[in-house]
Amino acid sequence: MQLRRLTLATSAAALLALAAPASAHTPLFACYDMGGGAILCEGGFSDGSSAAGTAVHVLDGEGEVVLDGELNANSEFEFERPEGAYSVRFDAGEGHRIEVPQDEIF
């Protein structure tokens, strides 16, 4: 009986250890039209950790990078809206990229 409890406890602990990293660090990213041609983007992670220093790329309609930057100490990035179609990519590495198309920037 004691061995069974130990086995169940060990199995439960292993499952929790595997599940925690998978859900602990989801990227969050949104951009807003501030008027006058200014666009402000904010990023972070679902576990509350800062995204300061995370790469941000502004892409034209063909997917070519027209501006590179990074989130500042407040996890923000501001830029002037480019001419034509564009999107903004938050790039914290594989599995942590979000692209916001211009039609989702209000």
PDB file of N, CA and C in Angstrom:
ATOM      1  N   MET A   1       0.824  -1.194   0.000  1.00  0.00           N
ATOM      2  CA  MET A   1       0.000   0.000   0.000  1.00  0.00           C
ATOM      3  C   MET A   1       0.871   1.263   0.000  1.00  0.00           C
ATOM      4  N   GLN A   2       1.926   1.255   0.824  1.00  0.00           N
ATOM      5  CA  GLN A   2       2.806   2.412   0.895  1.00  0.00           C
ATOM      6  C   GLN A   2       3.555   2.597  -0.431  1.00  0.00           C
ATOM      7  N   LEU A   3       3.959   1.500  -1.050  1.00  0.00           N
ATOM      8  CA  LEU A   3       4.651   1.568  -2.340  1.00  0.00           C
ATOM      9  C   LEU A   3       3.726   2.148  -3.401  1.00  0.00           C
ATOM     10  N   ARG A   4       2.455   1.788  -3.358  1.00  0.00           N
ATOM     11  CA  ARG A   4       1.491   2.316  -4.325  1.00  0.00           C
ATOM     12  C   ARG A   4       1.325   3.832  -4.164  1.00  0.00           C
ATOM     13  N   ARG A   5       1.242   4.314  -2.922  1.00  0.00           N
ATOM     14  CA  ARG A   5       1.134   5.751  -2.672  1.00  0.00           C
ATOM     15  C   ARG A   5       2.367   6.487  -3.170  1.00  0.00           C
ATOM     16  N   LEU A   6       3.529   5.899  -2.919  1.00  0.00           N
ATOM     17  CA  LEU A   6       4.778   6.514  -3.370  1.00  0.00           C
ATOM     18  C   LEU A   6       4.821   6.588  -4.892  1.00  0.00           C
ATOM     19  N   THR A   7       4.383   5.531  -5.549  1.00  0.00           N
ATOM     20  CA  THR A   7       4.345   5.508  -7.015  1.00  0.00           C
ATOM     21  C   THR A   7       3.377   6.561  -7.553  1.00  0.00           C
ATOM     22  N   LEU A   8       2.196   6.674  -6.949  1.00  0.00           N
ATOM     23  CA  LEU A   8       1.225   7.679  -7.381  1.00  0.00           C
ATOM     24  C   LEU A   8       1.754   9.087  -7.156  1.00  0.00           C
ATOM     25  N   ALA A   9       2.369   9.310  -6.001  1.00  0.00           N
ATOM     26  CA  ALA A   9       2.920  10.640  -5.703  1.00  0.00           C
ATOM     27  C   ALA A   9       4.029  10.998  -6.673  1.00  0.00           C
ATOM     28  N   THR A  10       4.895  10.054  -6.972  1.00  0.00           N
ATOM     29  CA  THR A  10       5.992  10.291  -7.911  1.00  0.00           C
ATOM     30  C   THR A  10       5.448  10.568  -9.311  1.00  0.00           C
ATOM     31  N   SER A  11       4.452   9.819  -9.731  1.00  0.00           N
ATOM     32  CA  SER A  11       3.844  10.026 -11.057  1.00  0.00           C
ATOM     33  C   SER A  11       3.181  11.399 -11.150  1.00  0.00           C
ATOM     34  N   ALA A  12       2.459  11.784 -10.095  1.00  0.00           N
ATOM     35  CA  ALA A  12       1.799  13.091 -10.090  1.00  0.00           C
ATOM     36  C   ALA A  12       2.821  14.213 -10.145  1.00  0.00           C
ATOM     37  N   ALA A  13       3.899  14.092  -9.392  1.00  0.00           N
ATOM     38  CA  ALA A  13       4.948  15.121  -9.396  1.00  0.00           C
ATOM     39  C   ALA A  13       5.596  15.227 -10.775  1.00  0.00           C
ATOM     40  N   ALA A  14       5.827  14.093 -11.418  1.00  0.00           N
ATOM     41  CA  ALA A  14       6.428  14.106 -12.754  1.00  0.00           C
ATOM     42  C   ALA A  14       5.509  14.784 -13.769  1.00  0.00           C
ATOM     43  N   LEU A  15       4.221  14.508 -13.707  1.00  0.00           N
ATOM     44  CA  LEU A  15       3.272  15.136 -14.628  1.00  0.00           C
ATOM     45  C   LEU A  15       3.209  16.642 -14.415  1.00  0.00           C
ATOM     46  N   LEU A  16       3.199  17.082 -13.167  1.00  0.00           N
ATOM     47  CA  LEU A  16       3.188  18.523 -12.884  1.00  0.00           C
ATOM     48  C   LEU A  16       4.464  19.191 -13.382  1.00  0.00           C
ATOM     49  N   ALA A  17       5.579  18.549 -13.203  1.00  0.00           N
ATOM     50  CA  ALA A  17       6.854  19.124 -13.664  1.00  0.00           C
ATOM     51  C   ALA A  17       6.879  19.264 -15.180  1.00  0.00           C
ATOM     52  N   LEU A  18       6.281  18.317 -15.883  1.00  0.00           N
ATOM     53  CA  LEU A  18       6.242  18.391 -17.348  1.00  0.00           C
ATOM     54  C   LEU A  18       5.250  19.439 -17.839  1.00  0.00           C
ATOM     55  N   ALA A  19       4.143  19.610 -17.151  1.00  0.00           N
ATOM     56  CA  ALA A  19       3.094  20.535 -17.589  1.00  0.00           C
ATOM     57  C   ALA A  19       3.465  21.985 -17.339  1.00  0.00           C
ATOM     58  N   ALA A  20       4.158  22.287 -16.271  1.00  0.00           N
ATOM     59  CA  ALA A  20       4.459  23.674 -15.910  1.00  0.00           C
ATOM     60  C   ALA A  20       5.232  24.433 -16.982  1.00  0.00           C
ATOM     61  N   PRO A  21       6.343  23.896 -17.524  1.00  0.00           N
ATOM     62  CA  PRO A  21       7.060  24.667 -18.533  1.00  0.00           C
ATOM     63  C   PRO A  21       6.258  24.922 -19.799  1.00  0.00           C
ATOM     64  N   ALA A  22       5.349  24.043 -20.137  1.00  0.00           N
ATOM     65  CA  ALA A  22       4.593  24.194 -21.373  1.00  0.00           C
ATOM     66  C   ALA A  22       3.634  25.383 -21.315  1.00  0.00           C
ATOM     67  N   SER A  23       3.146  25.733 -20.144  1.00  0.00           N
ATOM     68  CA  SER A  23       2.153  26.788 -20.057  1.00  0.00           C
ATOM     69  C   SER A  23       2.669  28.053 -19.382  1.00  0.00           C
ATOM     70  N   ALA A  24       3.913  28.085 -18.993  1.00  0.00           N
ATOM     71  CA  ALA A  24       4.408  29.162 -18.150  1.00  0.00           C
ATOM     72  C   ALA A  24       4.910  30.382 -18.909  1.00  0.00           C
ATOM     73  N   HIS A  25       5.076  30.304 -20.201  1.00  0.00           N
ATOM     74  CA  HIS A  25       5.795  31.381 -20.875  1.00  0.00           C
ATOM     75  C   HIS A  25       5.210  31.710 -22.253  1.00  0.00           C
ATOM     76  N   THR A  26       3.911  31.887 -22.350  1.00  0.00           N
ATOM     77  CA  THR A  26       3.265  32.222 -23.616  1.00  0.00           C
ATOM     78  C   THR A  26       3.487  33.704 -23.928  1.00  0.00           C
ATOM     79  N   PRO A  27       3.932  34.036 -25.143  1.00  0.00           N
ATOM     80  CA  PRO A  27       4.141  35.447 -25.472  1.00  0.00           C
ATOM     81  C   PRO A  27       2.818  36.188 -25.679  1.00  0.00           C
ATOM     82  N   LEU A  28       2.822  37.462 -25.325  1.00  0.00           N
ATOM     83  CA  LEU A  28       1.681  38.354 -25.504  1.00  0.00           C
ATOM     84  C   LEU A  28       2.181  39.587 -26.243  1.00  0.00           C
ATOM     85  N   PHE A  29       1.431  40.070 -27.238  1.00  0.00           N
ATOM     86  CA  PHE A  29       1.890  41.208 -28.026  1.00  0.00           C
ATOM     87  C   PHE A  29       0.695  41.888 -28.671  1.00  0.00           C
ATOM     88  N   ALA A  30       0.639  43.203 -28.576  1.00  0.00           N
ATOM     89  CA  ALA A  30      -0.442  43.980 -29.189  1.00  0.00           C
ATOM     90  C   ALA A  30       0.108  45.328 -29.629  1.00  0.00           C
ATOM     91  N   CYS A  31      -0.480  45.888 -30.685  1.00  0.00           N
ATOM     92  CA  CYS A  31      -0.064  47.193 -31.203  1.00  0.00           C
ATOM     93  C   CYS A  31      -1.276  48.103 -31.327  1.00  0.00           C
ATOM     94  N   TYR A  32      -1.040  49.402 -31.136  1.00  0.00           N
ATOM     95  CA  TYR A  32      -2.114  50.391 -31.123  1.00  0.00           C
ATOM     96  C   TYR A  32      -1.735  51.599 -31.980  1.00  0.00           C
ATOM     97  N   ASP A  33      -2.699  52.142 -32.699  1.00  0.00           N
ATOM     98  CA  ASP A  33      -2.502  53.367 -33.469  1.00  0.00           C
ATOM     99  C   ASP A  33      -2.712  54.535 -32.508  1.00  0.00           C
ATOM    100  N   MET A  34      -1.665  55.300 -32.258  1.00  0.00           N
ATOM    101  CA  MET A  34      -1.718  56.403 -31.304  1.00  0.00           C
ATOM    102  C   MET A  34      -2.122  57.719 -31.969  1.00  0.00           C
ATOM    103  N   GLY A  35      -2.376  57.694 -33.269  1.00  0.00           N
ATOM    104  CA  GLY A  35      -2.720  58.905 -34.008  1.00  0.00           C
ATOM    105  C   GLY A  35      -1.468  59.610 -34.497  1.00  0.00           C
ATOM    106  N   GLY A  36      -1.625  60.442 -35.488  1.00  0.00           N
ATOM    107  CA  GLY A  36      -0.498  61.186 -36.041  1.00  0.00           C
ATOM    108  C   GLY A  36       0.573  60.317 -36.665  1.00  0.00           C
ATOM    109  N   GLY A  37       0.243  59.083 -37.005  1.00  0.00           N
ATOM    110  CA  GLY A  37       1.206  58.176 -37.635  1.00  0.00           C
ATOM    111  C   GLY A  37       2.013  57.344 -36.655  1.00  0.00           C
ATOM    112  N   ALA A  38       1.829  57.537 -35.348  1.00  0.00           N
ATOM    113  CA  ALA A  38       2.596  56.784 -34.344  1.00  0.00           C
ATOM    114  C   ALA A  38       1.900  55.461 -34.020  1.00  0.00           C
ATOM    115  N   ILE A  39       2.681  54.392 -33.972  1.00  0.00           N
ATOM    116  CA  ILE A  39       2.202  53.072 -33.587  1.00  0.00           C
ATOM    117  C   ILE A  39       2.964  52.661 -32.330  1.00  0.00           C
ATOM    118  N   LEU A  40       2.235  52.181 -31.321  1.00  0.00           N
ATOM    119  CA  LEU A  40       2.832  51.716 -30.073  1.00  0.00           C
ATOM    120  C   LEU A  40       2.521  50.242 -29.907  1.00  0.00           C
ATOM    121  N   CYS A  41       3.566  49.450 -29.670  1.00  0.00           N
ATOM    122  CA  CYS A  41       3.387  48.020 -29.426  1.00  0.00           C
ATOM    123  C   CYS A  41       3.863  47.685 -28.017  1.00  0.00           C
ATOM    124  N   GLU A  42       3.164  46.748 -27.394  1.00  0.00           N
ATOM    125  CA  GLU A  42       3.503  46.295 -26.053  1.00  0.00           C
ATOM    126  C   GLU A  42       3.608  44.777 -26.053  1.00  0.00           C
ATOM    127  N   GLY A  43       4.600  44.252 -25.340  1.00  0.00           N
ATOM    128  CA  GLY A  43       4.770  42.807 -25.283  1.00  0.00           C
ATOM    129  C   GLY A  43       5.066  42.332 -23.881  1.00  0.00           C
ATOM    130  N   GLY A  44       4.928  41.050 -23.688  1.00  0.00           N
ATOM    131  CA  GLY A  44       5.224  40.432 -22.407  1.00  0.00           C
ATOM    132  C   GLY A  44       5.007  38.940 -22.507  1.00  0.00           C
ATOM    133  N   PHE A  45       4.972  38.288 -21.349  1.00  0.00           N
ATOM    134  CA  PHE A  45       4.758  36.850 -21.291  1.00  0.00           C
ATOM    135  C   PHE A  45       3.671  36.542 -20.261  1.00  0.00           C
ATOM    136  N   SER A  46       2.957  35.467 -20.490  1.00  0.00           N
ATOM    137  CA  SER A  46       1.814  35.117 -19.650  1.00  0.00           C
ATOM    138  C   SER A  46       2.191  34.847 -18.204  1.00  0.00           C
ATOM    139  N   ASP A  47       3.439  34.541 -17.934  1.00  0.00           N
ATOM    140  CA  ASP A  47       3.850  34.305 -16.555  1.00  0.00           C
ATOM    141  C   ASP A  47       4.244  35.592 -15.841  1.00  0.00           C
ATOM    142  N   GLY A  48       4.056  36.730 -16.541  1.00  0.00           N
ATOM    143  CA  GLY A  48       4.353  38.034 -15.948  1.00  0.00           C
ATOM    144  C   GLY A  48       5.774  38.514 -16.158  1.00  0.00           C
ATOM    145  N   SER A  49       6.604  37.708 -16.800  1.00  0.00           N
ATOM    146  CA  SER A  49       7.992  38.127 -17.000  1.00  0.00           C
ATOM    147  C   SER A  49       8.090  39.198 -18.079  1.00  0.00           C
ATOM    148  N   SER A  50       9.106  40.023 -17.953  1.00  0.00           N
ATOM    149  CA  SER A  50       9.326  41.135 -18.870  1.00  0.00           C
ATOM    150  C   SER A  50       9.748  40.643 -20.250  1.00  0.00           C
ATOM    151  N   ALA A  51       9.393  41.414 -21.252  1.00  0.00           N
ATOM    152  CA  ALA A  51       9.842  41.131 -22.614  1.00  0.00           C
ATOM    153  C   ALA A  51      10.849  42.186 -23.071  1.00  0.00           C
ATOM    154  N   ALA A  52      11.342  43.006 -22.131  1.00  0.00           N
ATOM    155  CA  ALA A  52      12.323  44.039 -22.480  1.00  0.00           C
ATOM    156  C   ALA A  52      13.494  43.406 -23.232  1.00  0.00           C
ATOM    157  N   GLY A  53      13.902  44.064 -24.317  1.00  0.00           N
ATOM    158  CA  GLY A  53      15.000  43.565 -25.135  1.00  0.00           C
ATOM    159  C   GLY A  53      14.593  42.599 -26.227  1.00  0.00           C
ATOM    160  N   THR A  54      13.323  42.207 -26.261  1.00  0.00           N
ATOM    161  CA  THR A  54      12.847  41.286 -27.293  1.00  0.00           C
ATOM    162  C   THR A  54      12.822  41.990 -28.646  1.00  0.00           C
ATOM    163  N   ALA A  55      13.284  41.296 -29.671  1.00  0.00           N
ATOM    164  CA  ALA A  55      13.336  41.859 -31.020  1.00  0.00           C
ATOM    165  C   ALA A  55      11.932  42.108 -31.570  1.00  0.00           C
ATOM    166  N   VAL A  56      11.796  43.232 -32.280  1.00  0.00           N
ATOM    167  CA  VAL A  56      10.564  43.583 -32.975  1.00  0.00           C
ATOM    168  C   VAL A  56      10.947  43.964 -34.398  1.00  0.00           C
ATOM    169  N   HIS A  57      10.209  43.444 -35.368  1.00  0.00           N
ATOM    170  CA  HIS A  57      10.469  43.736 -36.776  1.00  0.00           C
ATOM    171  C   HIS A  57       9.197  44.287 -37.418  1.00  0.00           C
ATOM    172  N   VAL A  58       9.337  45.389 -38.132  1.00  0.00           N
ATOM    173  CA  VAL A  58       8.232  45.920 -38.924  1.00  0.00           C
ATOM    174  C   VAL A  58       8.464  45.426 -40.348  1.00  0.00           C
ATOM    175  N   LEU A  59       7.458  44.760 -40.909  1.00  0.00           N
ATOM    176  CA  LEU A  59       7.567  44.146 -42.237  1.00  0.00           C
ATOM    177  C   LEU A  59       6.657  44.857 -43.218  1.00  0.00           C
ATOM    178  N   ASP A  60       7.099  44.950 -44.465  1.00  0.00           N
ATOM    179  CA  ASP A  60       6.233  45.525 -45.494  1.00  0.00           C
ATOM    180  C   ASP A  60       5.275  44.453 -46.004  1.00  0.00           C
ATOM    181  N   GLY A  61       4.461  44.802 -46.970  1.00  0.00           N
ATOM    182  CA  GLY A  61       3.466  43.888 -47.520  1.00  0.00           C
ATOM    183  C   GLY A  61       4.044  42.646 -48.162  1.00  0.00           C
ATOM    184  N   GLU A  62       5.319  42.680 -48.512  1.00  0.00           N
ATOM    185  CA  GLU A  62       5.992  41.525 -49.116  1.00  0.00           C
ATOM    186  C   GLU A  62       6.704  40.665 -48.074  1.00  0.00           C
ATOM    187  N   GLY A  63       6.633  41.083 -46.801  1.00  0.00           N
ATOM    188  CA  GLY A  63       7.302  40.335 -45.735  1.00  0.00           C
ATOM    189  C   GLY A  63       8.750  40.729 -45.511  1.00  0.00           C
ATOM    190  N   GLU A  64       9.182  41.799 -46.181  1.00  0.00           N
ATOM    191  CA  GLU A  64      10.562  42.275 -46.017  1.00  0.00           C
ATOM    192  C   GLU A  64      10.659  43.202 -44.811  1.00  0.00           C
ATOM    193  N   VAL A  65      11.728  43.081 -44.050  1.00  0.00           N
ATOM    194  CA  VAL A  65      11.933  43.928 -42.877  1.00  0.00           C
ATOM    195  C   VAL A  65      12.238  45.354 -43.317  1.00  0.00           C
ATOM    196  N   VAL A  66      11.448  46.313 -42.810  1.00  0.00           N
ATOM    197  CA  VAL A  66      11.684  47.730 -43.101  1.00  0.00           C
ATOM    198  C   VAL A  66      12.194  48.477 -41.868  1.00  0.00           C
ATOM    199  N   LEU A  67      12.054  47.849 -40.683  1.00  0.00           N
ATOM    200  CA  LEU A  67      12.534  48.465 -39.449  1.00  0.00           C
ATOM    201  C   LEU A  67      12.760  47.383 -38.410  1.00  0.00           C
ATOM    202  N   ASP A  68      13.944  47.409 -37.795  1.00  0.00           N
ATOM    203  CA  ASP A  68      14.264  46.509 -36.690  1.00  0.00           C
ATOM    204  C   ASP A  68      14.330  47.314 -35.409  1.00  0.00           C
ATOM    205  N   GLY A  69      13.918  46.724 -34.327  1.00  0.00           N
ATOM    206  CA  GLY A  69      14.017  47.368 -33.029  1.00  0.00           C
ATOM    207  C   GLY A  69      13.878  46.338 -31.935  1.00  0.00           C
ATOM    208  N   GLU A  70      13.681  46.832 -30.710  1.00  0.00           N
ATOM    209  CA  GLU A  70      13.449  45.940 -29.591  1.00  0.00           C
ATOM    210  C   GLU A  70      12.577  46.639 -28.552  1.00  0.00           C
ATOM    211  N   LEU A  71      11.915  45.850 -27.741  1.00  0.00           N
ATOM    212  CA  LEU A  71      11.087  46.409 -26.689  1.00  0.00           C
ATOM    213  C   LEU A  71      11.978  47.082 -25.648  1.00  0.00           C
ATOM    214  N   ASN A  72      11.567  48.260 -25.191  1.00  0.00           N
ATOM    215  CA  ASN A  72      12.351  49.004 -24.201  1.00  0.00           C
ATOM    216  C   ASN A  72      12.138  48.433 -22.799  1.00  0.00           C
ATOM    217  N   ALA A  73      12.646  49.116 -21.787  1.00  0.00           N
ATOM    218  CA  ALA A  73      12.545  48.654 -20.399  1.00  0.00           C
ATOM    219  C   ALA A  73      11.103  48.507 -19.929  1.00  0.00           C
ATOM    220  N   ASN A  74      10.179  49.214 -20.568  1.00  0.00           N
ATOM    221  CA  ASN A  74       8.752  49.110 -20.251  1.00  0.00           C
ATOM    222  C   ASN A  74       8.037  48.098 -21.145  1.00  0.00           C
ATOM    223  N   SER A  75       8.814  47.313 -21.908  1.00  0.00           N
ATOM    224  CA  SER A  75       8.287  46.325 -22.863  1.00  0.00           C
ATOM    225  C   SER A  75       7.428  46.975 -23.939  1.00  0.00           C
ATOM    226  N   GLU A  76       7.854  48.167 -24.401  1.00  0.00           N
ATOM    227  CA  GLU A  76       7.148  48.912 -25.451  1.00  0.00           C
ATOM    228  C   GLU A  76       8.088  49.204 -26.617  1.00  0.00           C
ATOM    229  N   PHE A  77       7.479  49.367 -27.789  1.00  0.00           N
ATOM    230  CA  PHE A  77       8.203  49.746 -28.994  1.00  0.00           C
ATOM    231  C   PHE A  77       7.313  50.693 -29.777  1.00  0.00           C
ATOM    232  N   GLU A  78       7.818  51.880 -30.084  1.00  0.00           N
ATOM    233  CA  GLU A  78       7.041  52.864 -30.833  1.00  0.00           C
ATOM    234  C   GLU A  78       7.755  53.183 -32.135  1.00  0.00           C
ATOM    235  N   PHE A  79       6.955  53.346 -33.193  1.00  0.00           N
ATOM    236  CA  PHE A  79       7.526  53.664 -34.506  1.00  0.00           C
ATOM    237  C   PHE A  79       6.495  54.433 -35.323  1.00  0.00           C
ATOM    238  N   GLU A  80       6.971  55.048 -36.392  1.00  0.00           N
ATOM    239  CA  GLU A  80       6.088  55.759 -37.321  1.00  0.00           C
ATOM    240  C   GLU A  80       5.538  54.755 -38.332  1.00  0.00           C
ATOM    241  N   ARG A  81       4.230  54.806 -38.537  1.00  0.00           N
ATOM    242  CA  ARG A  81       3.564  53.902 -39.471  1.00  0.00           C
ATOM    243  C   ARG A  81       4.186  54.044 -40.860  1.00  0.00           C
ATOM    244  N   PRO A  82       4.622  52.926 -41.454  1.00  0.00           N
ATOM    245  CA  PRO A  82       5.185  52.999 -42.803  1.00  0.00           C
ATOM    246  C   PRO A  82       4.088  53.173 -43.859  1.00  0.00           C
ATOM    247  N   GLU A  83       4.482  53.599 -45.028  1.00  0.00           N
ATOM    248  CA  GLU A  83       3.548  53.702 -46.153  1.00  0.00           C
ATOM    249  C   GLU A  83       3.181  52.300 -46.617  1.00  0.00           C
ATOM    250  N   GLY A  84       1.959  52.121 -47.053  1.00  0.00           N
ATOM    251  CA  GLY A  84       1.527  50.838 -47.604  1.00  0.00           C
ATOM    252  C   GLY A  84       1.238  49.799 -46.538  1.00  0.00           C
ATOM    253  N   ALA A  85       1.068  48.568 -47.013  1.00  0.00           N
ATOM    254  CA  ALA A  85       0.745  47.453 -46.124  1.00  0.00           C
ATOM    255  C   ALA A  85       1.947  47.113 -45.249  1.00  0.00           C
ATOM    256  N   TYR A  86       1.663  46.732 -43.990  1.00  0.00           N
ATOM    257  CA  TYR A  86       2.736  46.348 -43.085  1.00  0.00           C
ATOM    258  C   TYR A  86       2.190  45.437 -41.992  1.00  0.00           C
ATOM    259  N   SER A  87       3.105  44.804 -41.269  1.00  0.00           N
ATOM    260  CA  SER A  87       2.781  44.028 -40.079  1.00  0.00           C
ATOM    261  C   SER A  87       3.941  44.201 -39.104  1.00  0.00           C
ATOM    262  N   VAL A  88       3.710  43.799 -37.857  1.00  0.00           N
ATOM    263  CA  VAL A  88       4.731  43.940 -36.820  1.00  0.00           C
ATOM    264  C   VAL A  88       4.931  42.567 -36.178  1.00  0.00           C
ATOM    265  N   ARG A  89       6.197  42.136 -36.081  1.00  0.00           N
ATOM    266  CA  ARG A  89       6.507  40.819 -35.527  1.00  0.00           C
ATOM    267  C   ARG A  89       7.270  40.946 -34.209  1.00  0.00           C
ATOM    268  N   PHE A  90       6.747  40.301 -33.173  1.00  0.00           N
ATOM    269  CA  PHE A  90       7.406  40.116 -31.880  1.00  0.00           C
ATOM    270  C   PHE A  90       8.192  38.824 -32.027  1.00  0.00           C
ATOM    271  N   ASP A  91       9.506  38.856 -31.798  1.00  0.00           N
ATOM    272  CA  ASP A  91      10.339  37.686 -32.064  1.00  0.00           C
ATOM    273  C   ASP A  91      11.216  37.345 -30.862  1.00  0.00           C
ATOM    274  N   ALA A  92      10.672  36.476 -30.000  1.00  0.00           N
ATOM    275  CA  ALA A  92      11.422  36.023 -28.828  1.00  0.00           C
ATOM    276  C   ALA A  92      11.983  34.621 -29.059  1.00  0.00           C
ATOM    277  N   GLY A  93      12.092  34.215 -30.321  1.00  0.00           N
ATOM    278  CA  GLY A  93      12.660  32.908 -30.654  1.00  0.00           C
ATOM    279  C   GLY A  93      11.595  31.897 -31.042  1.00  0.00           C
ATOM    280  N   GLU A  94      12.062  30.737 -31.445  1.00  0.00           N
ATOM    281  CA  GLU A  94      11.199  29.668 -31.921  1.00  0.00           C
ATOM    282  C   GLU A  94      10.073  29.372 -30.938  1.00  0.00           C
ATOM    283  N   GLY A  95       8.847  29.379 -31.443  1.00  0.00           N
ATOM    284  CA  GLY A  95       7.686  29.116 -30.607  1.00  0.00           C
ATOM    285  C   GLY A  95       7.204  30.329 -29.824  1.00  0.00           C
ATOM    286  N   HIS A  96       7.911  31.439 -29.957  1.00  0.00           N
ATOM    287  CA  HIS A  96       7.568  32.654 -29.223  1.00  0.00           C
ATOM    288  C   HIS A  96       7.520  33.856 -30.168  1.00  0.00           C
ATOM    289  N   ARG A  97       6.916  33.658 -31.336  1.00  0.00           N
ATOM    290  CA  ARG A  97       6.771  34.734 -32.317  1.00  0.00           C
ATOM    291  C   ARG A  97       5.286  35.032 -32.510  1.00  0.00           C
ATOM    292  N   ILE A  98       5.002  36.320 -32.598  1.00  0.00           N
ATOM    293  CA  ILE A  98       3.631  36.762 -32.880  1.00  0.00           C
ATOM    294  C   ILE A  98       3.721  37.834 -33.948  1.00  0.00           C
ATOM    295  N   GLU A  99       2.891  37.744 -34.960  1.00  0.00           N
ATOM    296  CA  GLU A  99       2.849  38.777 -35.993  1.00  0.00           C
ATOM    297  C   GLU A  99       1.464  39.436 -35.986  1.00  0.00           C
ATOM    298  N   VAL A 100       1.469  40.762 -35.904  1.00  0.00           N
ATOM    299  CA  VAL A 100       0.233  41.535 -35.883  1.00  0.00           C
ATOM    300  C   VAL A 100       0.102  42.257 -37.225  1.00  0.00           C
ATOM    301  N   PRO A 101      -0.887  41.876 -38.046  1.00  0.00           N
ATOM    302  CA  PRO A 101      -1.100  42.568 -39.325  1.00  0.00           C
ATOM    303  C   PRO A 101      -1.691  43.957 -39.091  1.00  0.00           C
ATOM    304  N   GLN A 102      -1.484  44.831 -40.039  1.00  0.00           N
ATOM    305  CA  GLN A 102      -1.936  46.229 -39.888  1.00  0.00           C
ATOM    306  C   GLN A 102      -3.431  46.325 -39.652  1.00  0.00           C
ATOM    307  N   ASP A 103      -4.233  45.422 -40.185  1.00  0.00           N
ATOM    308  CA  ASP A 103      -5.678  45.535 -39.990  1.00  0.00           C
ATOM    309  C   ASP A 103      -6.125  45.138 -38.580  1.00  0.00           C
ATOM    310  N   GLU A 104      -5.198  44.698 -37.726  1.00  0.00           N
ATOM    311  CA  GLU A 104      -5.496  44.413 -36.327  1.00  0.00           C
ATOM    312  C   GLU A 104      -4.914  45.482 -35.391  1.00  0.00           C
ATOM    313  N   ILE A 105      -4.431  46.588 -35.982  1.00  0.00           N
ATOM    314  CA  ILE A 105      -3.869  47.683 -35.201  1.00  0.00           C
ATOM    315  C   ILE A 105      -4.898  48.822 -35.204  1.00  0.00           C
ATOM    316  N   PHE A 106      -5.448  49.115 -34.052  1.00  0.00           N
ATOM    317  CA  PHE A 106      -6.495  50.135 -33.924  1.00  0.00           C
ATOM    318  C   PHE A 106      -6.026  51.282 -33.040  1.00  0.00           C
TER     319      PHE A 106
END
